[in-house]
Every structure is written in structure tokens, then in C-alpha cells.
Amino acid sequence: MIKNESQHLRVLIANERRDRLELLAQVVTGLGHEVIARSIDVEEVGPVTAREHPDVALVGLGLSSEHALELIEQIVRESTCPVIALLSAEEPAYVCEAAKRGVFAYIVDSGPKELQSAIDITLQRFTEYHNLQGAFGRRAVIEQAKGILMARNSIDANKAFDLLRDHSQHNGNKLADVAAAIVNSHLLLIPQTPQPATAGEVEK
């Protein structure tokens, strides 16, 4: 679900510098959102993120780029929300490293309206990204199910897809759900590899 400007967001903010953290909190609150957590320590930010489930996380670049990168890494590991890096000036090397750690977007120091616009755009792209991931996953399952049907029934890919589609329409189930059921049932039918006999069992 994409949250728009009229909705309140639960925002986690992190920065090595407490003074900038407080300023950012004021900006976020002024935009009508809730600051659910403020973090400085790398050791604390992961557990806080996992507990609070923010809608978006903002990480400012403080005195140490490595500290900021560690904050990003811990938040990304625990969150299901986009993480946005905040910079006071263009820092290409830092942005590149932040991207490797999983940051979804970055913003160079700007006013509240620009920050809100950037957050809105980031949330929209984040949602689209996850929808696309889901689409690729569903397509992979359908292709796997087609391969199973082709092997079982000695048919080509087109006929295998027709079987999937016909079953989906006849039973009122989504094509991806039918494919997943075929894949799961196939995995259950795969015989388990027999365990090697122990020395005692061989003697018996």
C-alpha cells in the first residue's frame, strides 16, 4: 500500500550526530509524521527497527561515513521499508557504498517540501519494486510447474500451459496458485535418499 502525503508515516531516523538527529526529528514532525525511534548507536538500531516496523527510515551522514553505512546495513537487515540516506552535499563514493548496503534512495540536503516529495516518490518506487519481485517469483513458479507437466505427460510447453490455464479456470483458482500446488505436490513425491546403513545394521 502506498501512503500519500495526507497519511501519517511512522519514521525511524538515525544519525551519529545528536544535534542533526534532533533537527531532522523536528522536520519530520512538522510534516505531520511520527518519529517512532531516534538512533545513534549501531548496536541499537537493528533491534529498534525490528521492534517498531517503520514505514520509512532516514539515515543522515554524520562525522563518519563508515558509521552511517553500518547504521544503514543494520536497518536494511531488519526492515521491510525503504531506507533513505540524507546528505548535506554530493558524496558519490558514499552513495555508491550505501547502495551496496541496501539503501533505496538518497537526498541531498533540502527543505521540508523536498523531503516530503522524496519520501512519497521513494515509497511508491519501493512498492513497485516489491510488486515486480512478486511477479518474477510467480512467473518462475509457473515455469517450474510447466516443466513438471511436460515431463509427466510427455507434452510441449504450450500444452503444459494450456493444462495449467484450464485447471485454473475450471476451479476458479489463480494460475500462480495452481502452479504452486503442482510444484509442492511434485516435491512431496520425490523419494528421499536412503541413508547409508551403519556397521551394526550391515552385520544384521
Foldseek 3Di string as FASTA:
>chain_A
DADALVDAWAEEEEELDPVVQVVVCVLNVVSVYHDPYYYNDLVPLLVSLLVPATQEYEYEYYDDLVSSLSSLLSNVVRYLHAYEYEAQDDDPVSVVSSVVSPHQYYDHDDHSVVVNVVRSVSSVVSVVVVVVVVVVVLVVLLVVLLVVCCVVPVDDSVVSVVVLVVVCVVVVHDSSVSSNVSVVVVVVPDDDDDDDDDPVVVVD
